[in-house]
């Protein structure tokens, strides 16, 4: 999984939001184990747990080789000056090991609330992100710079954001997407841009139990994240798949569930569709728990997954 891929992230990484519910010592232990299992990157989300910068320091300081990637740092949470200077500090302290994923689906013309906390409106998503990138680039340097600039990717789903990712950053990090989106994204972005795709998985051979976990995950996103609902509609899913609860067709497209071979096949499909890297998000009945067993059991199955000729 950490072979020579040309981009330094290995073929397969881990994506998780479960670090937020764990004490720092447990996070360090888990990060070290993920690295030793051979995963090439550790991706983490950002909500109201640890902030993206603090989480990166914690994970980077606990590991030696693995890439640590924010998936994503929310631009609605901080000024571009703060993020630009923090990214430079991380890049200088841990050369070549930090990848800055940027996003913020709460950027439109309304105020959103997260657990009752108001997130201020910033403007339309694509123009706001373009302005944010320009502002980061303009921040003066008054501390030791990294040997090479920290690479950036965007949480891109639609054609305009995918194009912006290809034109203005290293590439894109699509989340909550089926294989069809990977193929479409590669066509839009062209062959050179990096495409690192999140894939949700449930490692459980009990079909009913696995689908129950998968359905809960999909239902949450289509109900609470309008941009995710809009994206699956763009890909051909309609009211029959969304209204009243997600259909089996939608659940199975978003979440790979079954044994390790089933999950391996889904990851390979993303590579065949044009992905450069796939990060698996293991889902379990307890979202707050770290899925150590599943990471360990999946690691051997996810090695050497080059695209099929």
Protein backbone atom coordinates (compact mmCIF):
# COMPACT_ATOMS: atom_id res chain seq x y z
CA UNK A 1 0.00 0.00 0.00
CA UNK A 2 3.00 2.29 0.42
CA UNK A 3 4.75 1.33 -2.79
CA UNK A 4 6.14 3.80 -5.30
CA UNK A 5 3.04 5.54 -6.64
CA UNK A 6 4.78 8.75 -7.67
CA UNK A 7 2.78 10.92 -5.26
CA UNK A 8 3.96 9.70 -1.85
CA UNK A 9 0.59 8.68 -0.40
CA UNK A 10 0.71 5.03 -1.36
CA UNK A 11 -2.18 3.34 -3.07
CA UNK A 12 -4.50 3.06 -0.07
CA UNK A 13 -4.93 5.20 3.04
CA UNK A 14 -7.27 5.39 6.01
CA UNK A 15 -9.96 8.06 6.45
CA UNK A 16 -11.57 8.53 9.85
CA UNK A 17 -13.43 11.05 11.97
CA UNK A 18 -13.20 8.85 15.06
CA UNK A 19 -9.98 10.44 16.34
CA UNK A 20 -12.03 13.34 17.69
CA UNK A 21 -13.63 11.19 20.36
CA UNK A 22 -10.36 9.70 21.58
CA UNK A 23 -7.73 11.05 24.00
CA UNK A 24 -4.44 12.14 22.48
CA UNK A 25 -2.56 9.08 23.68
CA UNK A 26 -5.02 6.72 22.00
CA UNK A 27 -4.79 8.71 18.77
CA UNK A 28 -1.00 8.48 18.79
CA UNK A 29 -1.19 4.74 19.33
CA UNK A 30 -3.70 4.26 16.51
CA UNK A 31 -1.71 6.42 14.08
CA UNK A 32 1.44 4.41 14.74
CA UNK A 33 -0.46 1.17 14.16
CA UNK A 34 -1.95 2.44 10.89
CA UNK A 35 1.54 3.31 9.67
CA UNK A 36 2.96 -0.08 10.64
CA UNK A 37 0.11 -1.85 8.82
CA UNK A 38 1.37 -0.28 5.60
CA UNK A 39 -1.31 2.30 4.82
CA UNK A 40 0.19 5.22 2.94
CA UNK A 41 -1.86 8.09 4.36
CA UNK A 42 -4.04 9.04 7.31
CA UNK A 43 -6.96 11.31 6.41
CA UNK A 44 -9.16 12.96 9.02
CA UNK A 45 -12.19 15.22 8.97
CA UNK A 46 -12.87 18.45 10.82
CA UNK A 47 -16.06 19.40 12.64
CA UNK A 48 -16.11 20.55 16.26
CA UNK A 49 -13.58 18.07 17.62
CA UNK A 50 -9.89 18.84 17.32
CA UNK A 51 -9.10 21.57 14.85
CA UNK A 52 -7.45 20.49 11.61
CA UNK A 53 -4.05 21.97 12.47
CA UNK A 54 -3.87 20.52 15.97
CA UNK A 55 -4.95 17.12 14.69
CA UNK A 56 -2.21 17.21 12.06
CA UNK A 57 0.49 17.99 14.67
CA UNK A 58 -0.74 15.11 16.82
CA UNK A 59 -0.72 12.58 13.99
CA UNK A 60 2.54 13.72 12.43
CA UNK A 61 4.38 13.67 15.72
CA UNK A 62 3.18 10.10 16.36
CA UNK A 63 4.41 8.72 13.03
CA UNK A 64 7.59 8.67 10.96
CA UNK A 65 6.75 8.06 7.30
CA UNK A 66 3.02 8.16 6.60
CA UNK A 67 1.40 11.16 4.94
CA UNK A 68 -1.12 13.01 7.12
CA UNK A 69 -3.93 14.69 5.19
CA UNK A 70 -6.77 16.93 6.29
CA UNK A 71 -9.91 15.75 4.62
CA UNK A 72 -10.87 18.53 4.97
CA UNK A 73 -9.83 21.69 6.81
CA UNK A 74 -12.96 23.84 6.73
CA UNK A 75 -12.28 27.30 5.32
CA UNK A 76 -15.33 28.66 7.17
CA UNK A 77 -13.51 28.01 10.46
CA UNK A 78 -10.40 30.17 10.00
CA UNK A 79 -8.87 33.13 8.26
CA UNK A 80 -6.60 32.28 5.29
CA UNK A 81 -3.66 33.95 7.07
CA UNK A 82 -3.96 31.51 9.96
CA UNK A 83 -4.17 28.47 7.71
CA UNK A 84 -1.37 29.58 5.39
CA UNK A 85 1.07 30.13 8.24
CA UNK A 86 0.03 26.92 10.00
CA UNK A 87 0.49 24.88 6.82
CA UNK A 88 3.96 26.33 6.33
CA UNK A 89 4.89 25.43 9.89
CA UNK A 90 3.70 21.85 9.40
CA UNK A 91 5.50 21.59 6.09
CA UNK A 92 8.76 22.84 7.58
CA UNK A 93 8.57 20.61 10.64
CA UNK A 94 7.51 17.46 8.78
CA UNK A 95 8.94 17.76 5.24
CA UNK A 96 6.78 16.23 2.55
CA UNK A 97 4.39 14.53 4.98
CA UNK A 98 1.49 16.98 5.30
CA UNK A 99 -1.25 17.33 2.69
CA UNK A 100 -3.72 20.18 3.14
CA UNK A 101 -7.23 19.32 2.01
CA UNK A 102 -9.51 22.36 1.84
CA UNK A 103 -13.26 22.53 1.78
CA UNK A 104 -16.25 24.01 3.51
CA UNK A 105 -19.69 23.04 2.28
CA UNK A 106 -21.16 25.79 4.48
CA UNK A 107 -20.11 28.43 1.99
CA UNK A 108 -23.20 29.84 0.31
CA UNK A 109 -25.59 32.71 0.89
CA UNK A 110 -27.17 31.49 4.14
CA UNK A 111 -26.04 31.00 7.73
CA UNK A 112 -25.83 27.35 8.80
CA UNK A 113 -25.77 25.95 12.30
CA UNK A 114 -23.65 23.10 13.62
CA UNK A 115 -24.95 21.79 16.94
CA UNK A 116 -26.63 25.18 17.34
CA UNK A 117 -23.46 27.13 16.61
CA UNK A 118 -23.81 29.62 13.72
CA UNK A 119 -21.36 29.20 10.84
CA UNK A 120 -21.19 32.52 8.96
CA UNK A 121 -21.98 32.68 5.28
CA UNK A 122 -18.97 33.29 3.05
CA UNK A 123 -20.43 33.37 -0.44
CA UNK A 124 -20.81 31.01 -3.37
CA UNK A 125 -18.64 27.92 -3.05
CA UNK A 126 -16.40 28.07 -6.13
CA UNK A 127 -15.70 31.82 -6.09
CA UNK A 128 -15.20 31.74 -2.32
CA UNK A 129 -12.69 28.91 -2.60
CA UNK A 130 -10.84 30.67 -5.40
CA UNK A 131 -10.57 33.84 -3.34
CA UNK A 132 -9.44 31.87 -0.29
CA UNK A 133 -6.64 30.19 -2.27
CA UNK A 134 -5.50 33.56 -3.60
CA UNK A 135 -5.49 35.02 -0.10
CA UNK A 136 -3.39 32.12 1.20
CA UNK A 137 -0.90 32.58 -1.62
CA UNK A 138 -0.53 36.28 -0.78
CA UNK A 139 0.40 35.79 2.90
CA UNK A 140 4.00 37.01 3.49
CA UNK A 141 6.61 34.58 4.78
CA UNK A 142 8.24 35.54 8.09
CA UNK A 143 9.31 32.12 9.40
CA UNK A 144 11.48 29.30 8.01
CA UNK A 145 9.66 28.05 4.91
CA UNK A 146 9.28 24.35 4.10
CA UNK A 147 11.73 22.85 1.61
CA UNK A 148 8.82 22.50 -0.80
CA UNK A 149 5.39 24.06 -0.60
CA UNK A 150 2.68 22.03 1.15
CA UNK A 151 0.48 20.40 -1.44
CA UNK A 152 -3.22 21.32 -1.43
CA UNK A 153 -6.32 19.50 -2.65
CA UNK A 154 -9.96 20.54 -2.70
CA UNK A 155 -13.06 18.74 -1.50
CA UNK A 156 -14.52 18.80 -4.99
CA UNK A 157 -17.71 17.18 -6.27
CA UNK A 158 -19.26 19.27 -9.05
CA UNK A 159 -17.65 20.15 -12.38
CA UNK A 160 -16.73 23.73 -11.46
CA UNK A 161 -14.99 22.79 -8.20
CA UNK A 162 -13.25 19.84 -9.87
CA UNK A 163 -11.96 22.20 -12.56
CA UNK A 164 -10.79 24.68 -9.92
CA UNK A 165 -8.99 21.86 -8.10
CA UNK A 166 -7.16 20.85 -11.26
CA UNK A 167 -6.27 24.42 -12.21
CA UNK A 168 -5.33 25.92 -8.84
CA UNK A 169 -4.24 23.04 -6.58
CA UNK A 170 -2.59 19.63 -6.71
CA UNK A 171 -5.94 17.92 -7.17
CA UNK A 172 -9.19 16.79 -5.57
CA UNK A 173 -10.45 14.76 -2.62
CA UNK A 174 -14.02 13.66 -3.40
CA UNK A 175 -15.98 12.27 -0.45
CA UNK A 176 -19.17 10.16 -0.40
CA UNK A 177 -18.96 9.19 -4.05
CA UNK A 178 -19.58 6.06 -6.13
CA UNK A 179 -17.13 4.73 -8.71
CA UNK A 180 -19.05 6.54 -11.47
CA UNK A 181 -18.06 9.86 -9.93
CA UNK A 182 -14.38 8.90 -9.98
CA UNK A 183 -14.57 8.18 -13.70
CA UNK A 184 -16.39 11.46 -14.34
CA UNK A 185 -14.01 13.47 -12.16
CA UNK A 186 -10.99 12.12 -14.02
CA UNK A 187 -12.51 13.16 -17.34
CA UNK A 188 -13.08 16.70 -16.05
CA UNK A 189 -9.71 17.12 -14.32
CA UNK A 190 -7.54 15.54 -16.99
CA UNK A 191 -4.73 13.02 -16.54
CA UNK A 192 -2.27 15.07 -14.48
CA UNK A 193 -4.25 16.23 -11.45
CA UNK A 194 -4.20 14.12 -8.30
CA UNK A 195 -7.47 12.31 -7.49
CA UNK A 196 -7.69 10.89 -3.96
CA UNK A 197 -11.09 9.31 -3.33
CA UNK A 198 -12.77 8.42 -0.02
CA UNK A 199 -14.55 5.06 0.02
CA UNK A 200 -16.82 4.04 2.91
CA UNK A 201 -16.70 0.32 3.79
CA UNK A 202 -18.31 -2.11 6.23
CA UNK A 203 -16.26 -5.26 6.88
CA UNK A 204 -19.01 -7.70 7.85
CA UNK A 205 -20.21 -10.83 6.07
CA UNK A 206 -23.64 -10.61 7.70
CA UNK A 207 -25.43 -8.82 4.86
CA UNK A 208 -28.33 -7.48 6.89
CA UNK A 209 -26.13 -6.15 9.67
CA UNK A 210 -23.66 -4.62 7.23
CA UNK A 211 -26.37 -2.93 5.19
CA UNK A 212 -27.93 -1.51 8.35
CA UNK A 213 -24.66 0.25 9.24
CA UNK A 214 -24.21 1.39 5.65
CA UNK A 215 -27.77 2.69 5.39
CA UNK A 216 -27.44 4.77 8.54
CA UNK A 217 -24.30 6.42 7.13
CA UNK A 218 -25.87 7.22 3.76
CA UNK A 219 -29.13 8.42 5.30
CA UNK A 220 -27.29 10.94 7.47
CA UNK A 221 -25.48 12.53 4.55
CA UNK A 222 -28.39 12.77 2.13
CA UNK A 223 -30.53 14.27 4.92
CA UNK A 224 -28.05 16.74 6.43
CA UNK A 225 -25.70 17.63 3.58
CA UNK A 226 -27.48 19.32 0.66
CA UNK A 227 -24.32 19.34 -1.47
CA UNK A 228 -24.01 15.56 -1.11
CA UNK A 229 -27.65 15.06 -2.06
CA UNK A 230 -27.17 17.34 -5.05
CA UNK A 231 -24.15 15.32 -6.12
CA UNK A 232 -25.88 11.94 -6.07
CA UNK A 233 -28.77 13.46 -8.00
CA UNK A 234 -26.24 14.70 -10.54
CA UNK A 235 -25.09 11.10 -10.92
CA UNK A 236 -28.57 9.81 -11.72
CA UNK A 237 -30.12 9.02 -8.35
CA UNK A 238 -33.61 10.44 -7.88
CA UNK A 239 -36.42 10.80 -5.37
CA UNK A 240 -36.97 7.05 -5.30
CA UNK A 241 -33.40 6.67 -4.01
CA UNK A 242 -33.42 9.60 -1.57
CA UNK A 243 -36.85 10.59 -0.26
CA UNK A 244 -38.03 8.52 2.70
CA UNK A 245 -34.63 6.96 3.25
CA UNK A 246 -31.86 5.86 0.91
CA UNK A 247 -32.56 3.05 -1.52
CA UNK A 248 -30.53 -0.13 -1.58
CA UNK A 249 -29.12 0.98 -4.93
CA UNK A 250 -27.78 4.22 -3.45
CA UNK A 251 -26.46 2.57 -0.30
CA UNK A 252 -24.62 -0.11 -2.27
CA UNK A 253 -23.14 2.49 -4.62
CA UNK A 254 -21.74 4.60 -1.77
CA UNK A 255 -20.70 1.92 0.72
CA UNK A 256 -18.85 -1.30 -0.07
CA UNK A 257 -19.92 -3.95 2.43
CA UNK A 258 -19.02 -7.59 2.83
CA UNK A 259 -15.74 -9.46 3.21
CA UNK A 260 -12.25 -8.18 2.43
CA UNK A 261 -12.46 -9.38 -1.19
CA UNK A 262 -15.59 -7.30 -1.81
CA UNK A 263 -13.91 -4.21 -0.40
CA UNK A 264 -10.73 -4.88 -2.36
CA UNK A 265 -12.77 -5.13 -5.56
CA UNK A 266 -14.47 -1.78 -4.91
CA UNK A 267 -11.15 -0.07 -4.28
CA UNK A 268 -9.75 -1.58 -7.48
CA UNK A 269 -12.76 -0.22 -9.39
CA UNK A 270 -11.83 3.30 -8.29
CA UNK A 271 -8.30 2.79 -9.59
CA UNK A 272 -9.62 1.46 -12.88
CA UNK A 273 -11.86 4.56 -13.08
CA UNK A 274 -8.90 6.92 -12.69
CA UNK A 275 -8.18 7.37 -8.97
CA UNK A 276 -4.57 7.85 -7.89
CA UNK A 277 -5.27 7.01 -4.25
CA UNK A 278 -8.21 5.61 -2.29
CA UNK A 279 -8.71 6.19 1.44
CA UNK A 280 -11.09 3.77 3.14
CA UNK A 281 -13.47 4.93 5.85
CA UNK A 282 -14.39 1.89 7.95
CA UNK A 283 -17.93 2.14 9.31
CA UNK A 284 -19.06 0.20 12.37
CA UNK A 285 -22.09 0.15 14.64
CA UNK A 286 -20.22 2.53 16.98
CA UNK A 287 -19.03 5.55 14.96
CA UNK A 288 -17.03 6.88 17.91
CA UNK A 289 -14.87 3.75 18.23
CA UNK A 290 -11.61 3.29 16.36
CA UNK A 291 -11.94 0.28 14.00
CA UNK A 292 -8.52 -1.22 14.82
CA UNK A 293 -9.58 -4.78 13.98
CA UNK A 294 -10.97 -3.82 10.59
CA UNK A 295 -7.90 -1.76 9.66
CA UNK A 296 -5.73 -4.72 10.57
CA UNK A 297 -7.82 -7.30 8.70
CA UNK A 298 -8.13 -5.19 5.56
CA UNK A 299 -4.46 -4.25 5.28
CA UNK A 300 -3.26 -7.49 3.57
CA UNK A 301 -6.16 -7.43 1.10
CA UNK A 302 -5.48 -3.86 0.01
CA UNK A 303 -1.84 -4.26 -0.98
CA UNK A 304 -0.70 -4.05 -4.61
CA UNK A 305 -3.90 -2.74 -6.14
CA UNK A 306 -2.57 -1.29 -9.36
CA UNK A 307 -5.20 -0.60 -12.04
CA UNK A 308 -5.95 -3.59 -14.24
CA UNK A 309 -4.47 -3.36 -17.76
